[in-house]
Protein backbone atom coordinates (compact mmCIF):
# COMPACT_ATOMS: atom_id res chain seq x y z
CA MET A 1 0.00 0.00 0.00
CA LEU A 2 1.39 3.39 -0.98
CA ILE A 3 1.72 5.83 1.90
CA ASP A 4 1.46 9.34 0.49
CA GLU A 5 0.68 11.36 3.61
CA VAL A 6 2.12 11.15 7.11
CA THR A 7 2.63 13.39 10.16
CA LEU A 8 5.91 13.25 12.09
CA LYS A 9 7.24 14.73 15.31
CA LEU A 10 10.89 15.69 14.99
CA LYS A 11 13.38 16.38 17.77
CA ALA A 12 16.95 17.40 17.05
CA GLY A 13 19.68 16.41 19.47
CA ASN A 14 20.57 18.56 22.47
CA GLY A 15 24.05 19.97 22.72
CA GLY A 16 26.48 18.33 25.13
CA ASN A 17 27.45 20.11 28.34
CA GLY A 18 30.83 21.73 28.72
CA GLY A 19 33.32 19.84 30.89
CA VAL A 20 34.89 20.95 34.16
CA TYR A 21 38.33 19.41 34.51
CA PHE A 22 41.74 20.49 35.76
CA GLN A 23 45.29 19.54 34.95
CA ARG A 24 46.87 17.82 37.94
CA ILE A 25 50.45 17.77 36.67
CA LYS A 26 52.74 20.07 38.65
CA LEU A 27 53.82 23.18 36.78
CA SER A 28 50.95 22.65 34.30
CA LEU A 29 48.01 23.35 36.54
CA GLY A 30 44.89 24.88 35.02
CA PRO A 31 41.48 24.16 33.51
CA THR A 32 41.28 21.59 30.71
CA GLY A 33 37.51 21.08 30.43
CA ALA A 34 36.51 21.02 26.75
CA ASP A 35 33.32 22.01 24.94
CA GLY A 36 30.34 19.78 24.49
CA GLY A 37 29.45 18.58 20.98
CA ASN A 38 26.58 20.03 18.99
CA GLY A 39 23.39 18.00 18.80
CA GLY A 40 22.51 16.15 15.62
CA ALA A 41 20.19 17.77 13.09
CA ILE A 42 17.37 16.19 11.07
CA TRP A 43 17.32 16.60 7.29
CA PHE A 44 14.97 15.57 4.49
CA GLU A 45 16.47 14.32 1.22
CA GLY A 46 14.66 13.67 -2.06
CA VAL A 47 14.97 10.18 -3.59
CA ALA A 48 13.41 8.44 -6.59
CA ASP A 49 11.69 5.70 -4.55
CA ILE A 50 7.93 6.43 -4.64
CA GLY A 51 7.38 4.14 -1.65
CA ALA A 52 9.95 5.78 0.62
CA LEU A 53 7.29 7.13 3.02
CA SER A 54 6.46 3.55 4.02
CA GLN A 55 9.36 3.72 6.49
CA PHE A 56 7.09 5.91 8.65
CA ARG A 57 4.22 3.42 8.73
CA ASN A 58 4.92 2.57 12.37
CA LYS A 59 7.40 5.28 13.27
CA ARG A 60 6.05 8.79 13.77
CA ASP A 61 8.62 10.18 16.26
CA VAL A 62 12.15 10.87 15.02
CA HIS A 63 15.01 11.90 17.33
CA ALA A 64 18.56 12.85 16.43
CA GLU A 65 21.47 11.98 18.70
CA ASN A 66 22.47 14.33 21.51
CA GLY A 67 25.92 15.87 21.52
CA HIS A 68 28.41 14.34 23.97
CA ASN A 69 29.71 16.21 26.98
CA GLY A 70 33.11 17.90 26.94
CA LYS A 71 35.98 15.87 28.31
CA ALA A 72 39.26 16.51 30.06
CA GLN A 73 42.53 17.43 28.37
CA PHE A 74 40.79 19.73 25.89
CA ASN A 75 38.93 16.88 24.22
CA ASP A 76 35.68 18.27 22.87
CA GLY A 77 32.63 16.06 23.11
CA ARG A 78 31.60 14.29 19.91
CA ARG A 79 28.77 15.93 18.01
CA GLY A 80 25.55 13.99 17.67
CA GLU A 81 24.91 12.12 14.43
CA ASP A 82 22.56 13.81 11.98
CA VAL A 83 19.46 11.96 10.81
CA VAL A 84 18.67 12.04 7.08
CA LEU A 85 15.08 11.12 6.24
CA ARG A 86 14.84 10.05 2.61
CA VAL A 87 11.48 10.88 1.03
CA PRO A 88 10.18 10.66 -2.56
CA ILE A 89 10.72 13.61 -4.87
CA GLY A 90 7.45 15.48 -5.08
CA THR A 91 7.06 15.45 -1.29
CA VAL A 92 5.69 18.68 0.16
CA ILE A 93 6.80 19.32 3.75
CA HIS A 94 4.29 21.29 5.83
CA PHE A 95 5.82 22.69 9.04
CA LEU A 96 2.69 22.76 11.18
CA ASP A 97 4.18 24.92 13.95
CA THR A 98 5.26 27.79 11.70
CA GLY A 99 3.10 27.35 8.60
CA ALA A 100 6.18 27.12 6.37
CA ILE A 101 5.95 24.88 3.29
CA VAL A 102 8.94 23.37 1.50
CA GLU A 103 8.94 21.11 -1.55
CA LEU A 104 11.55 18.54 -2.57
CA ALA A 105 11.59 18.40 -6.36
CA LYS A 106 15.04 16.98 -7.18
CA ILE A 107 16.85 13.77 -6.35
CA GLY A 108 19.53 14.50 -3.77
CA GLU A 109 18.03 17.83 -2.74
CA ARG A 110 18.19 18.36 1.03
CA VAL A 111 16.16 20.49 3.43
CA LEU A 112 17.13 21.15 7.06
CA ALA A 113 14.09 20.36 9.20
CA VAL A 114 15.36 20.93 12.75
CA LYS A 115 18.78 22.11 13.94
CA GLY A 116 20.70 20.51 16.75
CA GLY A 117 21.44 22.37 19.97
CA ARG A 118 24.80 24.06 20.39
CA GLY A 119 27.37 22.42 22.65
CA GLY A 120 28.17 24.24 25.90
CA ARG A 121 31.58 25.71 26.69
CA GLY A 122 33.93 23.91 29.06
CA ASN A 123 35.70 25.59 31.96
CA PHE A 124 38.84 26.14 29.87
CA LYS A 125 36.92 28.86 27.99
CA PHE A 126 36.23 30.70 31.26
CA ARG A 127 39.87 31.10 32.35
CA ALA A 128 41.12 34.63 33.01
CA SER A 129 43.90 36.39 34.90
CA THR A 130 41.48 36.93 37.76
CA ASN A 131 39.97 33.45 37.50
CA THR A 132 42.73 30.90 37.01
CA SER A 133 40.73 27.93 38.27
CA PRO A 134 37.23 28.46 36.86
CA LYS A 135 34.53 25.98 37.67
CA GLN A 136 32.02 27.60 35.37
CA PHE A 137 30.69 25.71 32.36
CA GLU A 138 27.74 25.96 29.95
CA LEU A 139 24.92 23.55 29.53
CA GLY A 140 24.26 22.38 26.01
CA GLY A 141 21.45 24.08 24.12
CA SER A 142 18.18 22.32 23.36
CA GLY A 143 17.66 20.90 19.90
CA GLN A 144 14.82 22.30 17.83
CA GLU A 145 11.50 20.49 17.63
CA ALA A 146 8.89 20.48 14.89
CA THR A 147 5.74 18.72 13.80
CA VAL A 148 5.63 18.19 10.04
CA ARG A 149 3.11 16.74 7.62
CA LEU A 150 4.57 15.08 4.55
CA GLU A 151 2.35 15.07 1.47
CA LEU A 152 3.45 13.20 -1.62
CA LYS A 153 2.47 14.64 -4.99
CA LEU A 154 3.89 12.57 -7.82
CA ILE A 155 6.14 14.25 -10.33
CA ALA A 156 5.68 12.63 -13.75
CA ASP A 157 5.98 13.60 -17.39
CA VAL A 158 2.86 11.70 -18.46
CA GLY A 159 -0.21 10.88 -16.38
CA LEU A 160 -2.57 8.11 -17.49
CA VAL A 161 -6.14 9.04 -16.53
CA GLY A 162 -9.58 7.61 -17.18
CA ILE A 163 -12.50 5.94 -15.47
CA PRO A 164 -11.88 2.49 -13.90
CA SER A 165 -10.99 -0.38 -16.28
CA ALA A 166 -9.96 1.87 -19.15
CA GLY A 167 -6.72 -0.08 -19.71
CA LYS A 168 -4.24 2.33 -18.09
CA SER A 169 -2.31 -0.31 -16.14
CA SER A 170 -2.02 -2.58 -19.18
CA LEU A 171 -0.60 0.29 -21.22
CA LEU A 172 1.91 1.19 -18.50
CA ASN A 173 3.11 -2.42 -18.34
CA LYS A 174 3.55 -2.57 -22.12
CA LEU A 175 5.48 0.69 -22.34
CA THR A 176 7.70 0.29 -19.27
CA ASN A 177 9.12 -2.29 -16.90
CA ALA A 178 6.29 -1.67 -14.45
CA SER A 179 4.29 -4.61 -13.15
CA ALA A 180 1.05 -2.88 -12.28
CA LYS A 181 -1.82 -5.15 -11.30
CA VAL A 182 -4.30 -5.77 -14.12
CA GLY A 183 -7.83 -7.10 -13.70
CA ASN A 184 -11.18 -7.05 -15.46
CA TYR A 185 -12.97 -5.24 -12.66
CA PRO A 186 -13.14 -1.64 -11.38
CA PHE A 187 -10.47 -0.20 -9.08
CA THR A 188 -7.85 -2.82 -9.81
CA THR A 189 -5.31 -0.03 -9.28
CA LEU A 190 -5.58 1.23 -5.70
CA GLU A 191 -2.43 3.33 -5.72
CA PRO A 192 -0.42 5.17 -8.38
CA ASN A 193 2.09 3.13 -10.34
CA LEU A 194 5.20 4.57 -11.98
CA GLY A 195 7.14 3.41 -15.00
CA VAL A 196 9.97 4.86 -17.06
CA TYR A 197 9.92 5.06 -20.86
CA PHE A 198 13.48 6.08 -21.73
CA ASP A 199 13.75 9.32 -19.72
CA LEU A 200 10.00 9.93 -19.40
CA VAL A 201 8.29 9.09 -16.11
CA ILE A 202 4.76 7.75 -16.66
CA ALA A 203 2.24 7.61 -13.79
CA ASP A 204 -0.82 5.36 -13.85
CA ILE A 205 -3.41 7.26 -11.80
CA PRO A 206 -6.12 5.06 -10.24
CA GLY A 207 -9.47 5.21 -12.01
CA LEU A 208 -11.66 8.20 -11.22
CA ILE A 209 -15.44 8.37 -11.12
CA GLU A 210 -18.02 11.13 -11.05
CA GLY A 211 -17.78 12.94 -7.74
CA ALA A 212 -14.08 12.13 -7.23
CA SER A 213 -13.34 15.80 -6.55
CA GLN A 214 -15.70 15.52 -3.55
CA GLY A 215 -14.04 12.33 -2.35
CA LYS A 216 -16.12 9.63 -4.05
CA GLY A 217 -14.40 6.47 -5.25
CA LEU A 218 -10.67 6.85 -4.69
CA GLY A 219 -11.31 10.57 -4.45
CA ILE A 220 -9.14 13.58 -3.85
CA LYS A 221 -6.27 11.51 -2.52
CA PHE A 222 -5.35 10.53 -6.06
CA LEU A 223 -6.51 13.60 -7.94
CA ARG A 224 -3.66 15.53 -6.36
CA HIS A 225 -1.17 13.22 -8.07
CA VAL A 226 -2.34 14.58 -11.44
CA GLU A 227 -1.16 18.08 -10.45
CA ARG A 228 2.51 17.32 -11.16
CA THR A 229 2.10 15.65 -14.55
CA ARG A 230 3.13 17.60 -17.65
CA VAL A 231 0.88 15.78 -20.14
CA LEU A 232 -2.26 13.66 -19.76
CA PHE A 233 -3.03 10.51 -21.74
CA HIS A 234 -6.79 10.11 -21.36
CA LEU A 235 -7.96 6.55 -22.02
CA ILE A 236 -11.57 5.75 -22.88
CA SER A 237 -12.55 2.11 -23.22
CA ALA A 238 -14.08 1.02 -26.53
CA GLU A 239 -16.35 -1.18 -24.41
CA SER A 240 -18.04 1.93 -22.99
CA ASP A 241 -21.69 2.48 -23.87
CA ASP A 242 -21.11 6.27 -23.80
CA PRO A 243 -17.51 7.36 -24.51
CA VAL A 244 -18.40 11.07 -24.46
CA ARG A 245 -19.83 10.70 -20.95
CA ASP A 246 -16.68 8.91 -19.79
CA TRP A 247 -14.45 11.59 -21.29
CA ARG A 248 -16.50 14.42 -19.80
CA THR A 249 -16.57 12.76 -16.35
CA ILE A 250 -12.80 12.90 -16.07
CA VAL A 251 -12.46 16.39 -17.56
CA ASP A 252 -15.13 17.80 -15.23
CA GLU A 253 -13.63 16.16 -12.14
CA LEU A 254 -10.16 17.48 -12.96
CA ALA A 255 -11.55 20.99 -13.45
CA ALA A 256 -13.59 20.78 -10.24
CA TYR A 257 -10.49 19.81 -8.26
CA ASP A 258 -8.24 22.41 -9.86
CA PRO A 259 -9.15 24.41 -13.01
CA ARG A 260 -5.50 24.33 -14.08
CA LEU A 261 -5.69 20.56 -14.56
CA ALA A 262 -8.24 21.00 -17.36
CA GLU A 263 -5.69 23.18 -19.18
CA LYS A 264 -3.01 20.50 -19.35
CA GLN A 265 -2.08 19.10 -22.75
CA GLU A 266 -4.27 16.05 -23.32
CA TYR A 267 -4.07 13.12 -25.73
CA VAL A 268 -7.24 11.05 -25.95
CA PHE A 269 -7.14 7.35 -26.83
CA LEU A 270 -10.01 4.96 -27.49
CA SER A 271 -8.52 1.89 -25.83
CA LYS A 272 -9.34 -1.82 -25.91
CA ILE A 273 -10.40 -1.67 -29.59
CA ASP A 274 -9.58 -5.37 -29.87
CA MET A 275 -12.72 -5.93 -27.78
CA SER A 276 -15.06 -4.21 -30.27
CA THR A 277 -16.04 -4.49 -33.94
CA PRO A 278 -14.76 -1.96 -36.51
CA GLU A 279 -18.30 -0.59 -36.85
CA GLU A 280 -18.61 0.01 -33.10
CA ILE A 281 -15.20 1.66 -32.99
CA GLU A 282 -16.02 4.04 -35.83
CA LYS A 283 -19.35 4.90 -34.20
CA LYS A 284 -17.67 5.82 -30.92
CA LEU A 285 -14.93 7.83 -32.63
CA ALA A 286 -17.67 9.74 -34.44
CA GLN A 287 -19.46 10.43 -31.15
CA LEU A 288 -16.24 11.83 -29.72
CA ARG A 289 -15.60 13.97 -32.81
CA ILE A 290 -19.09 15.48 -32.55
CA ALA A 291 -18.23 16.41 -28.94
CA GLY A 292 -15.04 18.09 -30.18
CA VAL A 293 -12.71 15.31 -29.05
CA SER A 294 -10.07 13.97 -31.41
CA ALA A 295 -9.19 10.46 -30.27
CA GLN A 296 -6.65 7.92 -31.49
CA THR A 297 -7.34 4.20 -31.38
CA LEU A 298 -5.31 1.95 -29.11
CA SER A 299 -4.81 -1.73 -28.48
CA VAL A 300 -2.03 -2.86 -26.17
CA ILE A 301 -1.86 -6.27 -27.87
CA ASP A 302 -1.25 -4.84 -31.35
CA PRO A 303 2.33 -3.65 -32.06
CA ILE A 304 1.09 -1.19 -34.69
CA TYR A 305 -0.92 0.81 -32.16
CA LEU A 306 1.86 0.63 -29.58
CA LYS A 307 4.24 2.06 -32.17
CA GLU A 308 1.84 4.97 -32.73
CA ILE A 309 1.61 5.79 -29.03
CA LYS A 310 5.39 5.57 -28.76
CA THR A 311 5.59 8.20 -31.50
CA VAL A 312 3.46 10.47 -29.33
CA LEU A 313 5.72 9.78 -26.35
CA ASN A 314 8.78 10.64 -28.43
CA ASP A 315 7.20 13.99 -29.26
CA VAL A 316 6.53 14.58 -25.57
CA ALA A 317 10.18 13.77 -24.84
CA LYS A 318 11.40 16.22 -27.50
CA ASN A 319 9.24 18.99 -26.06
CA LYS A 320 10.57 18.19 -22.61
CA HIS A 321 14.16 18.59 -23.77
CA VAL A 322 13.37 21.85 -25.57
CA SER A 323 11.68 23.17 -22.42
CA ASN A 324 14.69 22.21 -20.27
CA GLU A 325 17.11 23.95 -22.66
CA GLU A 326 15.07 27.15 -22.48
CA LYS A 327 15.26 27.28 -18.69
């Protein structure tokens, strides 16, 4: 099961206390207490693994190591180890205490969540001509704390959308090395699946139904994953008794959730044509044309149609590269 939202309580490490020690060797008397080490910090780092949030399924409190206390003979205490929490790219970090929002959009990108406390000074730092044997020292500072909500929004070049059983998972499996579950019943896909076609990331978004923008079916939880896709491949099953209705259902739900989604570049495909007669296919294409929808035919078991959709993907890839060069 894909975990795409989780709330965590973070606590950075406290700084170590400064040490109070003295040199006992004759002719070398004096303070030797060293500083305490800084507490460990907690960072977030973006990774490609879409399932990385599953590590927090049963762990909602994260603590970094405290700094160690200062030692004798000017040996500073060891700093606490930092904690690096690896989360999928596309994760939005909501800092609930401050209202700040940070997004991880690149692999390897890091964000400091909470900073460790500063180590306290040892008594060596308090020496003076009027205080040759100081017993003063500093306590280590407290590490920062924060409550954060992590919200995953997939980042993909192409999003496959459509009502349940439109053939999205089958297409993803044919185009990529994905192994999405396929079944002849609604809601086979209960979580987004990702695949890679050369350097294009393709996301199979679970089937949407009328009212999804109000939470029906798989609801808003999966509509938000469409936000980060550059292009939509909208699949309509040739088995549908009303392809225009199916097309409009998805378009209306996307617009209801966020009007900007309805403005995304969209390619429409009449899928599963191997399940219908040529006459039925032409009739449904005509119905779509009357509604102003230009659809291409698609069958995942016919290499000719797969070649055609790969041509479309190659065009998407070219436009992606042009867009990146312009940045």
